[in-house]
Amino acid sequence: MRNTLGDLNNHLFAQLERLADEELTGEKLNEEISRARAVTSVASQIIANGSLVLEARKLVDDRMNANTTIPKMLEG
């Protein structure tokens, strides 16, 4: 199965719902806050990676239109 940005969005909203649970208190709340920080950290990296891929694609498209050589690393 392949994860998508839509899946990430669903995970983030699910985490938000868990944090909004008013019955969550004490140690359980602290655990959920810790989990939310971890999820946020990973999500930020996924989003940054997606942005990098998009920028690379734009660069490749611009370079191809200019008839220049594409670095091997960016060939797909």
PDB file of N, CA and C in Angstrom:
ATOM      1  N   MET A   1       0.841  -1.178   0.000  1.00  0.00           N
ATOM      2  CA  MET A   1       0.000   0.000   0.000  1.00  0.00           C
ATOM      3  C   MET A   1       0.888   1.244   0.000  1.00  0.00           C
ATOM      4  N   ARG A   2       0.496   2.221  -0.717  1.00  0.00           N
ATOM      5  CA  ARG A   2       1.263   3.454  -0.859  1.00  0.00           C
ATOM      6  C   ARG A   2       0.605   4.575  -0.056  1.00  0.00           C
ATOM      7  N   ASN A   3       1.409   5.246   0.767  1.00  0.00           N
ATOM      8  CA  ASN A   3       0.890   6.385   1.535  1.00  0.00           C
ATOM      9  C   ASN A   3       0.848   7.619   0.655  1.00  0.00           C
ATOM     10  N   THR A   4      -0.125   8.466   0.907  1.00  0.00           N
ATOM     11  CA  THR A   4      -0.299   9.682   0.119  1.00  0.00           C
ATOM     12  C   THR A   4      -0.381  10.883   1.059  1.00  0.00           C
ATOM     13  N   LEU A   5      -0.329  12.074   0.479  1.00  0.00           N
ATOM     14  CA  LEU A   5      -0.517  13.274   1.290  1.00  0.00           C
ATOM     15  C   LEU A   5      -1.931  13.314   1.863  1.00  0.00           C
ATOM     16  N   GLY A   6      -2.876  12.712   1.167  1.00  0.00           N
ATOM     17  CA  GLY A   6      -4.232  12.592   1.710  1.00  0.00           C
ATOM     18  C   GLY A   6      -4.245  11.734   2.967  1.00  0.00           C
ATOM     19  N   ASP A   7      -3.463  10.643   2.959  1.00  0.00           N
ATOM     20  CA  ASP A   7      -3.342   9.802   4.151  1.00  0.00           C
ATOM     21  C   ASP A   7      -2.730  10.592   5.306  1.00  0.00           C
ATOM     22  N   LEU A   8      -1.700  11.360   4.983  1.00  0.00           N
ATOM     23  CA  LEU A   8      -1.058  12.196   6.002  1.00  0.00           C
ATOM     24  C   LEU A   8      -2.073  13.163   6.607  1.00  0.00           C
ATOM     25  N   ASN A   9      -2.864  13.788   5.772  1.00  0.00           N
ATOM     26  CA  ASN A   9      -3.890  14.708   6.237  1.00  0.00           C
ATOM     27  C   ASN A   9      -4.860  13.999   7.187  1.00  0.00           C
ATOM     28  N   ASN A  10      -5.262  12.786   6.832  1.00  0.00           N
ATOM     29  CA  ASN A  10      -6.166  12.012   7.687  1.00  0.00           C
ATOM     30  C   ASN A  10      -5.519  11.704   9.036  1.00  0.00           C
ATOM     31  N   HIS A  11      -4.245  11.328   9.021  1.00  0.00           N
ATOM     32  CA  HIS A  11      -3.525  11.036  10.265  1.00  0.00           C
ATOM     33  C   HIS A  11      -3.438  12.276  11.155  1.00  0.00           C
ATOM     34  N   LEU A  12      -3.171  13.420  10.537  1.00  0.00           N
ATOM     35  CA  LEU A  12      -3.065  14.656  11.315  1.00  0.00           C
ATOM     36  C   LEU A  12      -4.404  15.032  11.954  1.00  0.00           C
ATOM     37  N   PHE A  13      -5.480  14.873  11.216  1.00  0.00           N
ATOM     38  CA  PHE A  13      -6.789  15.184  11.788  1.00  0.00           C
ATOM     39  C   PHE A  13      -7.174  14.168  12.867  1.00  0.00           C
ATOM     40  N   ALA A  14      -6.799  12.912  12.685  1.00  0.00           N
ATOM     41  CA  ALA A  14      -7.066  11.908  13.714  1.00  0.00           C
ATOM     42  C   ALA A  14      -6.300  12.253  14.989  1.00  0.00           C
ATOM     43  N   GLN A  15      -5.052  12.708  14.836  1.00  0.00           N
ATOM     44  CA  GLN A  15      -4.266  13.106  15.998  1.00  0.00           C
ATOM     45  C   GLN A  15      -4.922  14.293  16.699  1.00  0.00           C
ATOM     46  N   LEU A  16      -5.387  15.243  15.916  1.00  0.00           N
ATOM     47  CA  LEU A  16      -6.066  16.409  16.484  1.00  0.00           C
ATOM     48  C   LEU A  16      -7.301  15.974  17.282  1.00  0.00           C
ATOM     49  N   GLU A  17      -8.047  15.018  16.764  1.00  0.00           N
ATOM     50  CA  GLU A  17      -9.229  14.521  17.472  1.00  0.00           C
ATOM     51  C   GLU A  17      -8.844  13.850  18.786  1.00  0.00           C
ATOM     52  N   ARG A  18      -7.734  13.089  18.774  1.00  0.00           N
ATOM     53  CA  ARG A  18      -7.287  12.457  20.020  1.00  0.00           C
ATOM     54  C   ARG A  18      -6.893  13.513  21.049  1.00  0.00           C
ATOM     55  N   LEU A  19      -6.231  14.570  20.600  1.00  0.00           N
ATOM     56  CA  LEU A  19      -5.844  15.643  21.524  1.00  0.00           C
ATOM     57  C   LEU A  19      -7.049  16.401  22.065  1.00  0.00           C
ATOM     58  N   ALA A  20      -8.123  16.451  21.306  1.00  0.00           N
ATOM     59  CA  ALA A  20      -9.326  17.180  21.721  1.00  0.00           C
ATOM     60  C   ALA A  20     -10.202  16.387  22.689  1.00  0.00           C
ATOM     61  N   ASP A  21      -9.843  15.130  22.939  1.00  0.00           N
ATOM     62  CA  ASP A  21     -10.622  14.282  23.842  1.00  0.00           C
ATOM     63  C   ASP A  21     -10.545  14.850  25.257  1.00  0.00           C
ATOM     64  N   GLU A  22     -11.646  15.421  25.744  1.00  0.00           N
ATOM     65  CA  GLU A  22     -11.668  16.070  27.052  1.00  0.00           C
ATOM     66  C   GLU A  22     -11.541  15.085  28.205  1.00  0.00           C
ATOM     67  N   GLU A  23     -11.740  13.803  27.952  1.00  0.00           N
ATOM     68  CA  GLU A  23     -11.596  12.796  29.005  1.00  0.00           C
ATOM     69  C   GLU A  23     -10.148  12.375  29.196  1.00  0.00           C
ATOM     70  N   LEU A  24      -9.281  12.801  28.288  1.00  0.00           N
ATOM     71  CA  LEU A  24      -7.868  12.473  28.369  1.00  0.00           C
ATOM     72  C   LEU A  24      -7.194  13.414  29.363  1.00  0.00           C
ATOM     73  N   THR A  25      -6.642  12.856  30.423  1.00  0.00           N
ATOM     74  CA  THR A  25      -5.998  13.684  31.449  1.00  0.00           C
ATOM     75  C   THR A  25      -4.723  13.014  31.946  1.00  0.00           C
ATOM     76  N   GLY A  26      -3.976  13.754  32.726  1.00  0.00           N
ATOM     77  CA  GLY A  26      -2.803  13.214  33.397  1.00  0.00           C
ATOM     78  C   GLY A  26      -1.787  12.599  32.458  1.00  0.00           C
ATOM     79  N   GLU A  27      -1.323  11.416  32.827  1.00  0.00           N
ATOM     80  CA  GLU A  27      -0.280  10.720  32.067  1.00  0.00           C
ATOM     81  C   GLU A  27      -0.740  10.369  30.655  1.00  0.00           C
ATOM     82  N   LYS A  28      -1.991   9.999  30.508  1.00  0.00           N
ATOM     83  CA  LYS A  28      -2.513   9.662  29.174  1.00  0.00           C
ATOM     84  C   LYS A  28      -2.470  10.888  28.259  1.00  0.00           C
ATOM     85  N   LEU A  29      -2.811  12.048  28.790  1.00  0.00           N
ATOM     86  CA  LEU A  29      -2.744  13.280  28.011  1.00  0.00           C
ATOM     87  C   LEU A  29      -1.290  13.589  27.642  1.00  0.00           C
ATOM     88  N   ASN A  30      -0.390  13.432  28.599  1.00  0.00           N
ATOM     89  CA  ASN A  30       1.031  13.669  28.324  1.00  0.00           C
ATOM     90  C   ASN A  30       1.558  12.734  27.244  1.00  0.00           C
ATOM     91  N   GLU A  31       1.130  11.472  27.281  1.00  0.00           N
ATOM     92  CA  GLU A  31       1.530  10.513  26.243  1.00  0.00           C
ATOM     93  C   GLU A  31       1.007  10.948  24.875  1.00  0.00           C
ATOM     94  N   GLU A  32      -0.222  11.411  24.842  1.00  0.00           N
ATOM     95  CA  GLU A  32      -0.815  11.837  23.568  1.00  0.00           C
ATOM     96  C   GLU A  32      -0.122  13.098  23.043  1.00  0.00           C
ATOM     97  N   ILE A  33       0.244  13.991  23.929  1.00  0.00           N
ATOM     98  CA  ILE A  33       0.978  15.191  23.521  1.00  0.00           C
ATOM     99  C   ILE A  33       2.338  14.798  22.951  1.00  0.00           C
ATOM    100  N   SER A  34       2.996  13.854  23.585  1.00  0.00           N
ATOM    101  CA  SER A  34       4.288  13.364  23.094  1.00  0.00           C
ATOM    102  C   SER A  34       4.125  12.714  21.715  1.00  0.00           C
ATOM    103  N   ARG A  35       3.084  11.918  21.570  1.00  0.00           N
ATOM    104  CA  ARG A  35       2.805  11.283  20.277  1.00  0.00           C
ATOM    105  C   ARG A  35       2.518  12.344  19.216  1.00  0.00           C
ATOM    106  N   ALA A  36       1.765  13.378  19.586  1.00  0.00           N
ATOM    107  CA  ALA A  36       1.439  14.449  18.644  1.00  0.00           C
ATOM    108  C   ALA A  36       2.703  15.163  18.179  1.00  0.00           C
ATOM    109  N   ARG A  37       3.636  15.379  19.088  1.00  0.00           N
ATOM    110  CA  ARG A  37       4.906  16.019  18.705  1.00  0.00           C
ATOM    111  C   ARG A  37       5.665  15.150  17.702  1.00  0.00           C
ATOM    112  N   ALA A  38       5.682  13.846  17.939  1.00  0.00           N
ATOM    113  CA  ALA A  38       6.363  12.926  17.021  1.00  0.00           C
ATOM    114  C   ALA A  38       5.680  12.920  15.660  1.00  0.00           C
ATOM    115  N   VAL A  39       4.366  12.860  15.658  1.00  0.00           N
ATOM    116  CA  VAL A  39       3.609  12.868  14.404  1.00  0.00           C
ATOM    117  C   VAL A  39       3.867  14.164  13.642  1.00  0.00           C
ATOM    118  N   THR A  40       3.869  15.279  14.362  1.00  0.00           N
ATOM    119  CA  THR A  40       4.120  16.573  13.741  1.00  0.00           C
ATOM    120  C   THR A  40       5.509  16.633  13.133  1.00  0.00           C
ATOM    121  N   SER A  41       6.481  16.105  13.834  1.00  0.00           N
ATOM    122  CA  SER A  41       7.857  16.105  13.336  1.00  0.00           C
ATOM    123  C   SER A  41       7.982  15.300  12.044  1.00  0.00           C
ATOM    124  N   VAL A  42       7.412  14.106  12.037  1.00  0.00           N
ATOM    125  CA  VAL A  42       7.460  13.266  10.840  1.00  0.00           C
ATOM    126  C   VAL A  42       6.669  13.912   9.706  1.00  0.00           C
ATOM    127  N   ALA A  43       5.500  14.451  10.021  1.00  0.00           N
ATOM    128  CA  ALA A  43       4.670  15.099   8.998  1.00  0.00           C
ATOM    129  C   ALA A  43       5.411  16.276   8.367  1.00  0.00           C
ATOM    130  N   SER A  44       6.104  17.040   9.186  1.00  0.00           N
ATOM    131  CA  SER A  44       6.866  18.179   8.654  1.00  0.00           C
ATOM    132  C   SER A  44       7.933  17.722   7.668  1.00  0.00           C
ATOM    133  N   GLN A  45       8.586  16.618   7.969  1.00  0.00           N
ATOM    134  CA  GLN A  45       9.608  16.096   7.064  1.00  0.00           C
ATOM    135  C   GLN A  45       8.989  15.580   5.765  1.00  0.00           C
ATOM    136  N   ILE A  46       7.848  14.940   5.871  1.00  0.00           N
ATOM    137  CA  ILE A  46       7.158  14.451   4.668  1.00  0.00           C
ATOM    138  C   ILE A  46       6.749  15.628   3.787  1.00  0.00           C
ATOM    139  N   ILE A  47       6.226  16.674   4.402  1.00  0.00           N
ATOM    140  CA  ILE A  47       5.808  17.858   3.644  1.00  0.00           C
ATOM    141  C   ILE A  47       7.015  18.538   3.018  1.00  0.00           C
ATOM    142  N   ALA A  48       8.114  18.655   3.769  1.00  0.00           N
ATOM    143  CA  ALA A  48       9.336  19.263   3.227  1.00  0.00           C
ATOM    144  C   ALA A  48       9.863  18.448   2.057  1.00  0.00           C
ATOM    145  N   ASN A  49       9.821  17.131   2.170  1.00  0.00           N
ATOM    146  CA  ASN A  49      10.273  16.268   1.084  1.00  0.00           C
ATOM    147  C   ASN A  49       9.387  16.447  -0.151  1.00  0.00           C
ATOM    148  N   GLY A  50       8.087  16.529   0.058  1.00  0.00           N
ATOM    149  CA  GLY A  50       7.166  16.755  -1.058  1.00  0.00           C
ATOM    150  C   GLY A  50       7.433  18.088  -1.740  1.00  0.00           C
ATOM    151  N   SER A  51       7.720  19.106  -0.950  1.00  0.00           N
ATOM    152  CA  SER A  51       8.038  20.421  -1.519  1.00  0.00           C
ATOM    153  C   SER A  51       9.326  20.370  -2.329  1.00  0.00           C
ATOM    154  N   LEU A  52      10.317  19.645  -1.819  1.00  0.00           N
ATOM    155  CA  LEU A  52      11.576  19.504  -2.533  1.00  0.00           C
ATOM    156  C   LEU A  52      11.380  18.783  -3.866  1.00  0.00           C
ATOM    157  N   VAL A  53      10.601  17.724  -3.858  1.00  0.00           N
ATOM    158  CA  VAL A  53      10.322  16.989  -5.090  1.00  0.00           C
ATOM    159  C   VAL A  53       9.601  17.888  -6.096  1.00  0.00           C
ATOM    160  N   LEU A  54       8.641  18.663  -5.626  1.00  0.00           N
ATOM    161  CA  LEU A  54       7.908  19.574  -6.506  1.00  0.00           C
ATOM    162  C   LEU A  54       8.844  20.625  -7.102  1.00  0.00           C
ATOM    163  N   GLU A  55       9.699  21.218  -6.273  1.00  0.00           N
ATOM    164  CA  GLU A  55      10.659  22.210  -6.769  1.00  0.00           C
ATOM    165  C   GLU A  55      11.626  21.590  -7.772  1.00  0.00           C
ATOM    166  N   ALA A  56      12.074  20.363  -7.496  1.00  0.00           N
ATOM    167  CA  ALA A  56      12.971  19.677  -8.428  1.00  0.00           C
ATOM    168  C   ALA A  56      12.268  19.437  -9.765  1.00  0.00           C
ATOM    169  N   ARG A  57      11.009  19.042  -9.707  1.00  0.00           N
ATOM    170  CA  ARG A  57      10.244  18.805 -10.933  1.00  0.00           C
ATOM    171  C   ARG A  57      10.101  20.098 -11.730  1.00  0.00           C
ATOM    172  N   LYS A  58       9.840  21.196 -11.040  1.00  0.00           N
ATOM    173  CA  LYS A  58       9.734  22.484 -11.726  1.00  0.00           C
ATOM    174  C   LYS A  58      11.057  22.854 -12.375  1.00  0.00           C
ATOM    175  N   LEU A  59      12.157  22.609 -11.659  1.00  0.00           N
ATOM    176  CA  LEU A  59      13.481  22.909 -12.192  1.00  0.00           C
ATOM    177  C   LEU A  59      13.757  22.066 -13.433  1.00  0.00           C
ATOM    178  N   VAL A  60      13.440  20.793 -13.366  1.00  0.00           N
ATOM    179  CA  VAL A  60      13.634  19.902 -14.513  1.00  0.00           C
ATOM    180  C   VAL A  60      12.813  20.390 -15.695  1.00  0.00           C
ATOM    181  N   ASP A  61      11.560  20.739 -15.450  1.00  0.00           N
ATOM    182  CA  ASP A  61      10.707  21.223 -16.534  1.00  0.00           C
ATOM    183  C   ASP A  61      11.274  22.499 -17.155  1.00  0.00           C
ATOM    184  N   ASP A  62      11.730  23.415 -16.306  1.00  0.00           N
ATOM    185  CA  ASP A  62      12.320  24.652 -16.813  1.00  0.00           C
ATOM    186  C   ASP A  62      13.577  24.368 -17.627  1.00  0.00           C
ATOM    187  N   ARG A  63      14.408  23.477 -17.132  1.00  0.00           N
ATOM    188  CA  ARG A  63      15.670  23.157 -17.820  1.00  0.00           C
ATOM    189  C   ARG A  63      15.413  22.442 -19.142  1.00  0.00           C
ATOM    190  N   MET A  64      14.413  21.575 -19.160  1.00  0.00           N
ATOM    191  CA  MET A  64      14.113  20.843 -20.399  1.00  0.00           C
ATOM    192  C   MET A  64      13.636  21.812 -21.471  1.00  0.00           C
ATOM    193  N   ASN A  65      12.909  22.821 -21.033  1.00  0.00           N
ATOM    194  CA  ASN A  65      12.439  23.826 -21.984  1.00  0.00           C
ATOM    195  C   ASN A  65      13.595  24.666 -22.515  1.00  0.00           C
ATOM    196  N   ALA A  66      14.688  24.713 -21.742  1.00  0.00           N
ATOM    197  CA  ALA A  66      15.864  25.482 -22.148  1.00  0.00           C
ATOM    198  C   ALA A  66      16.900  24.593 -22.851  1.00  0.00           C
ATOM    199  N   ASN A  67      16.542  23.323 -23.100  1.00  0.00           N
ATOM    200  CA  ASN A  67      17.443  22.363 -23.764  1.00  0.00           C
ATOM    201  C   ASN A  67      18.785  22.226 -23.063  1.00  0.00           C
ATOM    202  N   THR A  68      18.762  22.047 -21.739  1.00  0.00           N
ATOM    203  CA  THR A  68      19.987  21.835 -20.988  1.00  0.00           C
ATOM    204  C   THR A  68      20.017  20.419 -20.427  1.00  0.00           C
ATOM    205  N   THR A  69      21.153  20.003 -19.938  1.00  0.00           N
ATOM    206  CA  THR A  69      21.322  18.660 -19.409  1.00  0.00           C
ATOM    207  C   THR A  69      20.791  18.583 -17.981  1.00  0.00           C
ATOM    208  N   ILE A  70      20.089  17.497 -17.676  1.00  0.00           N
ATOM    209  CA  ILE A  70      19.524  17.278 -16.357  1.00  0.00           C
ATOM    210  C   ILE A  70      20.508  16.437 -15.543  1.00  0.00           C
ATOM    211  N   PRO A  71      20.817  16.830 -14.306  1.00  0.00           N
ATOM    212  CA  PRO A  71      21.685  16.001 -13.466  1.00  0.00           C
ATOM    213  C   PRO A  71      21.076  14.621 -13.263  1.00  0.00           C
ATOM    214  N   LYS A  72      21.907  13.583 -13.223  1.00  0.00           N
ATOM    215  CA  LYS A  72      21.433  12.195 -13.066  1.00  0.00           C
ATOM    216  C   LYS A  72      20.505  12.049 -11.859  1.00  0.00           C
ATOM    217  N   MET A  73      20.856  12.752 -10.791  1.00  0.00           N
ATOM    218  CA  MET A  73      20.086  12.648  -9.554  1.00  0.00           C
ATOM    219  C   MET A  73      18.628  13.023  -9.744  1.00  0.00           C
ATOM    220  N   LEU A  74      18.327  13.904 -10.683  1.00  0.00           N
ATOM    221  CA  LEU A  74      16.961  14.381 -10.891  1.00  0.00           C
ATOM    222  C   LEU A  74      16.221  13.634 -11.985  1.00  0.00           C
ATOM    223  N   GLU A  75      16.905  12.731 -12.665  1.00  0.00           N
ATOM    224  CA  GLU A  75      16.219  11.977 -13.717  1.00  0.00           C
ATOM    225  C   GLU A  75      15.286  10.990 -13.066  1.00  0.00           C
ATOM    226  N   GLY A  76      14.143  10.824 -13.654  1.00  0.00           N
ATOM    227  CA  GLY A  76      13.178   9.933 -13.036  1.00  0.00           C
ATOM    228  C   GLY A  76      12.724   8.919 -13.975  1.00  0.00           C
TER     229      GLY A  76
END
